[in-house]
Structure formats: structure tokens, C-alpha cells
Protein backbone atom coordinates (compact mmCIF):
# COMPACT_ATOMS: atom_id res chain seq x y z
CA MET A 1 -8.27 54.26 -29.19
CA GLU A 2 -8.93 57.23 -27.03
CA GLY A 3 -12.30 55.62 -25.80
CA VAL A 4 -10.34 52.61 -24.74
CA GLN A 5 -7.79 54.53 -22.78
CA GLN A 6 -10.60 56.31 -21.07
CA ILE A 7 -12.30 53.08 -20.02
CA GLU A 8 -8.88 51.77 -18.83
CA TYR A 9 -8.23 54.97 -16.83
CA GLU A 10 -11.76 54.78 -15.17
CA THR A 11 -11.12 51.09 -14.40
CA LEU A 12 -7.84 52.06 -12.67
CA LEU A 13 -9.47 54.79 -10.77
CA THR A 14 -12.20 52.46 -9.56
CA ALA A 15 -9.55 49.79 -8.62
CA VAL A 16 -7.50 52.46 -6.70
CA ALA A 17 -10.60 53.65 -4.78
CA SER A 18 -11.38 50.19 -3.80
CA LEU A 19 -7.82 49.41 -2.75
CA SER A 20 -7.77 52.61 -0.71
CA ALA A 21 -10.99 51.53 1.08
CA GLN A 22 -9.38 48.15 1.83
CA VAL A 23 -6.22 49.71 3.16
CA LYS A 24 -8.37 51.84 5.55
CA ALA A 25 -10.26 48.88 6.72
CA LEU A 26 -6.95 46.86 7.34
CA GLN A 27 -5.41 49.86 9.27
CA ALA A 28 -8.50 49.89 11.47
CA GLN A 29 -8.18 46.15 12.14
CA ASN A 30 -4.41 46.53 12.73
CA GLU A 31 -5.11 49.22 15.44
CA GLU A 32 -7.61 46.94 17.06
CA LEU A 33 -5.07 43.97 17.03
CA LEU A 34 -2.43 46.28 18.50
CA GLU A 35 -4.66 47.32 21.30
CA LEU A 36 -5.57 43.62 22.04
CA GLY A 37 -1.79 42.82 21.80
CA ARG A 38 -1.15 45.54 24.34
CA LEU A 39 -3.87 44.13 26.76
CA SER A 40 -2.73 40.63 26.36
CA ALA A 41 0.86 41.60 27.26
CA LYS A 42 -0.49 42.61 30.56
CA ARG A 43 -1.28 39.98 33.24
CA TYR A 44 -3.58 42.13 35.40
CA VAL A 45 -6.27 44.39 34.04
CA SER A 46 -9.07 46.61 35.14
CA ALA A 47 -12.74 45.88 34.60
CA LYS A 48 -12.80 48.08 31.50
CA GLU A 49 -9.73 46.51 29.97
CA LEU A 50 -11.21 43.06 30.67
CA SER A 51 -14.37 44.12 28.98
CA GLU A 52 -12.35 45.19 25.94
CA TYR A 53 -10.24 42.09 26.02
CA THR A 54 -13.08 39.54 26.29
CA SER A 55 -15.91 41.56 24.62
CA ILE A 56 -18.04 41.03 27.74
CA PRO A 57 -20.07 44.18 28.39
CA LEU A 58 -18.61 46.24 31.17
CA LYS A 59 -21.91 46.09 33.16
CA THR A 60 -21.72 42.26 32.92
CA VAL A 61 -18.23 42.26 34.16
CA TYR A 62 -19.22 44.33 37.25
CA ARG A 63 -22.26 42.02 37.91
CA LEU A 64 -20.19 38.92 37.60
CA THR A 65 -17.59 40.43 39.96
CA ASP A 66 -20.31 41.41 42.54
CA GLU A 67 -21.76 37.90 42.28
CA ASP A 68 -18.17 36.38 42.76
CA VAL A 69 -18.66 34.49 39.51
CA ILE A 70 -15.60 35.90 37.60
CA PRO A 71 -12.12 35.55 39.10
CA SER A 72 -11.00 38.85 40.58
CA CYS A 73 -9.18 40.44 43.57
CA GLU A 74 -9.14 43.65 45.40
CA VAL A 75 -5.83 45.49 45.78
CA ASP A 76 -5.87 48.76 47.77
CA GLY A 77 -9.63 49.19 47.10
CA ARG A 78 -9.33 48.51 43.44
CA ILE A 79 -10.62 45.38 41.65
CA ILE A 80 -8.24 43.83 39.26
CA TYR A 81 -8.49 40.71 37.08
CA ASP A 82 -5.78 38.20 36.43
CA LEU A 83 -6.12 37.41 32.67
CA ARG A 84 -4.61 33.91 33.03
CA LYS A 85 -7.32 33.06 35.62
CA VAL A 86 -10.19 34.72 33.61
CA GLU A 87 -9.01 32.81 30.41
CA ALA A 88 -9.12 29.51 32.43
CA TRP A 89 -12.52 30.33 33.70
CA ILE A 90 -13.87 31.10 30.27
CA GLU A 91 -12.31 27.77 29.01
CA ALA A 92 -14.09 25.92 31.91
CA LEU A 93 -17.33 27.58 30.88
CA HIS A 94 -16.84 26.13 27.33
CA VAL A 95 -16.19 22.66 28.66
CA LEU A 96 -19.28 22.76 30.78
CA GLN A 97 -21.47 24.10 27.91
CA ALA A 98 -20.07 21.37 25.68
CA GLN A 99 -21.30 18.61 27.98
């Protein structure tokens, strides 16, 4: 009987370790979602925030801004992005690519 209890104990330890790893992964995902939620609650964002929000590399955001491809505006010498306009621009790209 003692051998069976040892196996059950080891099985439980393995299950607990697996659950602990899953909880850590979920906590990391939750932090990412909270950050995205914080960004999406804002209407105007910086280039860095836009890069985080869209997963477009920051260098690409700067290049598209310089080429007047991505919607942006300058306020007091600072470039900002209206998330609504950027999302509409991305949707328009999807439509054009689907054709």
C-alpha cells in the first residue's frame, strides 16, 4: 500500500508543478492583455505605443510616418497617432489585399 501512496504523491507533485507553470503562463498573458487594454483605452498614442498595440516594428512605424503612409499628426513637434484612424487604415489594407 505504501508504494501506491508514493506513486499517488509523485503524481500529485507532477500535477501541481504543471498547474503552477500554467498559472505563471496565464499571469504573463494577463499582464499583456492589461497593457493592450490600457493602450486601447487611449485614443492618441506615441509611435512606441502604436508599435506595441499593432505589433508593427517601431522602425517600420517611423518609416511609414516619414512616407506619409500611416495616419499621424504633429502636435507641438511631437508625432501622435489616432488609433481609430490607424485601425481604419489597417482594415482598408485588409480589404485591398483581399481583392
